[in-house]
Amino acid sequence: MATITNEKAATIGRAIYNEKIRSTLGPEYLGKVVAIDIHSGDYEIADKGIDATMGLLARQPNAFIWRKRVGFNAVNSMGGAGLRRVNDD
């Protein structure tokens, strides 16, 4: 299998999220984390990234995972900077 760069993984993950997942999520999912296997398109949603990741790995042990926080531009923040909400419409 060819090596996938982080940038390519992010491109694939965003495409799966935007094309298959985003439109199925209601406002109750705001702030939750979606972990997506970029090879299969399978995904898991949870309050915490680790829970979404572990749930997905239970079904897809060899998953190449990209994560997205619903309604925000980043999964985590660093250096005290807050997450900026984005319009997922």
N, C-alpha and C. Protein backbone atom coordinates (compact mmCIF):
# COMPACT_ATOMS: atom_id res chain seq x y z
N MET A 1 0.84 -1.18 0.00
CA MET A 1 0.00 0.00 0.00
C MET A 1 0.89 1.24 0.00
N ALA A 2 0.52 2.22 -0.79
CA ALA A 2 1.29 3.45 -0.90
C ALA A 2 1.20 4.27 0.38
N THR A 3 2.26 5.00 0.66
CA THR A 3 2.28 5.88 1.82
C THR A 3 1.35 7.07 1.59
N ILE A 4 0.59 7.40 2.60
CA ILE A 4 -0.31 8.55 2.52
C ILE A 4 0.23 9.65 3.42
N THR A 5 0.41 10.82 2.87
CA THR A 5 0.88 11.95 3.66
C THR A 5 -0.25 12.46 4.55
N ASN A 6 0.11 13.22 5.57
CA ASN A 6 -0.90 13.82 6.44
C ASN A 6 -1.82 14.74 5.65
N GLU A 7 -1.25 15.46 4.69
CA GLU A 7 -2.06 16.37 3.88
C GLU A 7 -3.07 15.61 3.03
N LYS A 8 -2.65 14.49 2.43
CA LYS A 8 -3.55 13.67 1.63
C LYS A 8 -4.64 13.05 2.50
N ALA A 9 -4.25 12.57 3.69
CA ALA A 9 -5.22 12.00 4.63
C ALA A 9 -6.27 13.04 5.00
N ALA A 10 -5.83 14.27 5.25
CA ALA A 10 -6.76 15.35 5.60
C ALA A 10 -7.71 15.65 4.45
N THR A 11 -7.19 15.65 3.23
CA THR A 11 -8.02 15.90 2.05
C THR A 11 -9.09 14.82 1.91
N ILE A 12 -8.70 13.57 2.06
CA ILE A 12 -9.64 12.46 1.95
C ILE A 12 -10.65 12.51 3.09
N GLY A 13 -10.17 12.74 4.32
CA GLY A 13 -11.05 12.81 5.48
C GLY A 13 -12.09 13.91 5.35
N ARG A 14 -11.65 15.09 4.92
CA ARG A 14 -12.59 16.20 4.73
C ARG A 14 -13.64 15.87 3.67
N ALA A 15 -13.20 15.23 2.60
CA ALA A 15 -14.14 14.86 1.53
C ALA A 15 -15.19 13.88 2.04
N ILE A 16 -14.76 12.86 2.78
CA ILE A 16 -15.72 11.89 3.34
C ILE A 16 -16.69 12.60 4.28
N TYR A 17 -16.14 13.45 5.16
CA TYR A 17 -17.00 14.18 6.11
C TYR A 17 -18.02 15.04 5.37
N ASN A 18 -17.54 15.84 4.41
CA ASN A 18 -18.41 16.78 3.71
C ASN A 18 -19.43 16.09 2.81
N GLU A 19 -19.05 14.98 2.18
CA GLU A 19 -19.92 14.33 1.22
C GLU A 19 -20.87 13.30 1.84
N LYS A 20 -20.47 12.66 2.95
CA LYS A 20 -21.26 11.55 3.47
C LYS A 20 -21.76 11.72 4.90
N ILE A 21 -21.12 12.55 5.69
CA ILE A 21 -21.44 12.57 7.12
C ILE A 21 -22.11 13.87 7.54
N ARG A 22 -21.57 15.00 7.15
CA ARG A 22 -22.01 16.31 7.65
C ARG A 22 -23.51 16.53 7.55
N SER A 23 -24.10 16.16 6.43
CA SER A 23 -25.53 16.42 6.22
C SER A 23 -26.41 15.55 7.11
N THR A 24 -25.87 14.51 7.71
CA THR A 24 -26.66 13.62 8.58
C THR A 24 -26.64 14.06 10.04
N LEU A 25 -25.81 15.06 10.36
CA LEU A 25 -25.63 15.47 11.76
C LEU A 25 -26.50 16.66 12.12
N GLY A 26 -27.30 16.50 13.15
CA GLY A 26 -28.13 17.59 13.64
C GLY A 26 -27.37 18.42 14.67
N PRO A 27 -28.02 19.46 15.20
CA PRO A 27 -27.36 20.36 16.15
C PRO A 27 -26.91 19.66 17.43
N GLU A 28 -27.48 18.53 17.76
CA GLU A 28 -27.07 17.81 18.97
C GLU A 28 -25.65 17.25 18.86
N TYR A 29 -25.08 17.24 17.66
CA TYR A 29 -23.71 16.74 17.46
C TYR A 29 -22.65 17.83 17.55
N LEU A 30 -23.07 19.09 17.69
CA LEU A 30 -22.12 20.20 17.77
C LEU A 30 -21.11 19.95 18.89
N GLY A 31 -19.83 20.00 18.55
CA GLY A 31 -18.75 19.81 19.52
C GLY A 31 -18.29 18.38 19.67
N LYS A 32 -19.04 17.43 19.14
CA LYS A 32 -18.61 16.03 19.22
C LYS A 32 -17.49 15.79 18.20
N VAL A 33 -16.77 14.69 18.37
CA VAL A 33 -15.66 14.36 17.48
C VAL A 33 -16.04 13.18 16.59
N VAL A 34 -15.77 13.34 15.31
CA VAL A 34 -15.96 12.27 14.33
C VAL A 34 -14.59 11.72 13.96
N ALA A 35 -14.40 10.42 14.16
CA ALA A 35 -13.18 9.74 13.72
C ALA A 35 -13.55 8.96 12.47
N ILE A 36 -12.81 9.20 11.38
CA ILE A 36 -13.12 8.61 10.08
C ILE A 36 -11.95 7.75 9.62
N ASP A 37 -12.24 6.51 9.22
CA ASP A 37 -11.23 5.68 8.56
C ASP A 37 -11.21 6.10 7.10
N ILE A 38 -10.11 6.70 6.66
CA ILE A 38 -10.07 7.24 5.30
C ILE A 38 -10.02 6.15 4.23
N HIS A 39 -9.75 4.90 4.63
CA HIS A 39 -9.75 3.81 3.64
C HIS A 39 -11.15 3.25 3.43
N SER A 40 -11.89 3.02 4.49
CA SER A 40 -13.21 2.39 4.37
C SER A 40 -14.37 3.38 4.37
N GLY A 41 -14.15 4.58 4.92
CA GLY A 41 -15.23 5.55 5.08
C GLY A 41 -16.05 5.32 6.34
N ASP A 42 -15.74 4.24 7.08
CA ASP A 42 -16.43 3.96 8.34
C ASP A 42 -16.07 5.07 9.34
N TYR A 43 -16.97 5.37 10.26
CA TYR A 43 -16.70 6.43 11.23
C TYR A 43 -17.39 6.16 12.55
N GLU A 44 -16.92 6.89 13.56
CA GLU A 44 -17.48 6.81 14.92
C GLU A 44 -17.58 8.23 15.45
N ILE A 45 -18.64 8.52 16.18
CA ILE A 45 -18.86 9.84 16.78
C ILE A 45 -18.92 9.68 18.29
N ALA A 46 -18.21 10.55 19.01
CA ALA A 46 -18.21 10.51 20.47
C ALA A 46 -17.93 11.90 21.01
N ASP A 47 -18.11 12.06 22.32
CA ASP A 47 -17.84 13.35 22.97
C ASP A 47 -16.34 13.66 22.97
N LYS A 48 -15.51 12.64 23.10
CA LYS A 48 -14.06 12.81 23.16
C LYS A 48 -13.40 12.10 21.99
N GLY A 49 -12.29 12.68 21.52
CA GLY A 49 -11.57 12.11 20.40
C GLY A 49 -11.10 10.69 20.66
N ILE A 50 -10.60 10.42 21.86
CA ILE A 50 -10.10 9.09 22.17
C ILE A 50 -11.22 8.06 22.11
N ASP A 51 -12.42 8.44 22.56
CA ASP A 51 -13.55 7.51 22.52
C ASP A 51 -13.99 7.22 21.09
N ALA A 52 -14.00 8.25 20.25
CA ALA A 52 -14.34 8.05 18.84
C ALA A 52 -13.29 7.17 18.16
N THR A 53 -12.03 7.42 18.46
CA THR A 53 -10.94 6.64 17.87
C THR A 53 -11.01 5.19 18.30
N MET A 54 -11.17 4.95 19.59
CA MET A 54 -11.20 3.57 20.09
C MET A 54 -12.43 2.81 19.59
N GLY A 55 -13.56 3.48 19.48
CA GLY A 55 -14.75 2.84 18.94
C GLY A 55 -14.56 2.43 17.50
N LEU A 56 -13.93 3.30 16.71
CA LEU A 56 -13.67 2.99 15.31
C LEU A 56 -12.65 1.86 15.19
N LEU A 57 -11.59 1.91 16.01
CA LEU A 57 -10.58 0.86 15.95
C LEU A 57 -11.13 -0.51 16.37
N ALA A 58 -12.16 -0.53 17.20
CA ALA A 58 -12.78 -1.80 17.58
C ALA A 58 -13.39 -2.50 16.36
N ARG A 59 -13.88 -1.70 15.41
CA ARG A 59 -14.48 -2.25 14.18
C ARG A 59 -13.48 -2.35 13.04
N GLN A 60 -12.55 -1.40 13.00
CA GLN A 60 -11.58 -1.30 11.91
C GLN A 60 -10.16 -1.25 12.50
N PRO A 61 -9.61 -2.39 12.92
CA PRO A 61 -8.31 -2.40 13.62
C PRO A 61 -7.15 -1.78 12.83
N ASN A 62 -7.24 -1.76 11.51
CA ASN A 62 -6.16 -1.21 10.68
C ASN A 62 -6.52 0.16 10.11
N ALA A 63 -7.44 0.84 10.75
CA ALA A 63 -7.93 2.13 10.24
C ALA A 63 -6.82 3.17 10.17
N PHE A 64 -6.89 4.01 9.14
CA PHE A 64 -6.07 5.22 9.02
C PHE A 64 -7.04 6.34 9.36
N ILE A 65 -6.92 6.91 10.54
CA ILE A 65 -7.96 7.78 11.10
C ILE A 65 -7.65 9.26 10.95
N TRP A 66 -8.66 9.98 10.49
CA TRP A 66 -8.67 11.44 10.47
C TRP A 66 -9.85 11.87 11.32
N ARG A 67 -9.65 12.90 12.17
CA ARG A 67 -10.72 13.32 13.08
C ARG A 67 -11.14 14.76 12.82
N LYS A 68 -12.40 15.02 13.13
CA LYS A 68 -13.00 16.36 12.96
C LYS A 68 -13.94 16.62 14.11
N ARG A 69 -13.85 17.82 14.70
CA ARG A 69 -14.82 18.23 15.71
C ARG A 69 -15.98 18.91 14.97
N VAL A 70 -17.17 18.41 15.17
CA VAL A 70 -18.36 18.90 14.45
C VAL A 70 -18.60 20.38 14.79
N GLY A 71 -18.62 21.20 13.74
CA GLY A 71 -18.90 22.62 13.89
C GLY A 71 -17.69 23.48 14.19
N PHE A 72 -16.50 22.92 14.23
CA PHE A 72 -15.30 23.67 14.55
C PHE A 72 -14.21 23.39 13.52
N ASN A 73 -13.21 24.28 13.46
CA ASN A 73 -12.16 24.12 12.46
C ASN A 73 -11.01 23.26 12.93
N ALA A 74 -11.00 22.84 14.19
CA ALA A 74 -9.93 21.99 14.71
C ALA A 74 -10.49 21.06 15.77
N VAL A 75 -9.85 19.91 15.94
CA VAL A 75 -10.28 18.96 16.97
C VAL A 75 -9.85 19.47 18.34
N ASN A 76 -8.62 19.98 18.44
CA ASN A 76 -8.07 20.46 19.71
C ASN A 76 -7.51 21.86 19.54
N SER A 77 -7.29 22.54 20.65
CA SER A 77 -6.63 23.84 20.61
C SER A 77 -5.34 23.74 21.41
N MET A 78 -4.40 24.64 21.12
CA MET A 78 -3.11 24.63 21.81
C MET A 78 -2.80 26.04 22.31
N GLY A 79 -2.02 26.12 23.35
CA GLY A 79 -1.55 27.41 23.83
C GLY A 79 -2.64 28.32 24.35
N GLY A 80 -3.74 27.76 24.81
CA GLY A 80 -4.82 28.55 25.37
C GLY A 80 -5.73 29.18 24.34
N ALA A 81 -5.45 28.96 23.08
CA ALA A 81 -6.31 29.52 22.02
C ALA A 81 -7.59 28.72 21.95
N GLY A 82 -8.70 29.40 21.85
CA GLY A 82 -9.97 28.70 21.76
C GLY A 82 -10.24 28.17 20.38
N LEU A 83 -11.11 27.21 20.28
CA LEU A 83 -11.51 26.70 18.99
C LEU A 83 -12.46 27.69 18.35
N ARG A 84 -12.33 27.88 17.08
CA ARG A 84 -13.20 28.79 16.36
C ARG A 84 -14.29 27.98 15.68
N ARG A 85 -15.53 28.33 15.94
CA ARG A 85 -16.65 27.62 15.33
C ARG A 85 -16.75 28.04 13.87
N VAL A 86 -17.03 27.05 13.02
CA VAL A 86 -17.22 27.33 11.61
C VAL A 86 -18.63 26.93 11.22
N ASN A 87 -19.10 27.47 10.13
CA ASN A 87 -20.44 27.14 9.66
C ASN A 87 -20.38 25.82 8.90
N ASP A 88 -21.04 24.79 9.40
CA ASP A 88 -21.06 23.49 8.75
C ASP A 88 -22.24 23.33 7.81
N ASP A 89 -22.93 24.40 7.50
CA ASP A 89 -24.11 24.31 6.63
C ASP A 89 -23.72 24.07 5.21
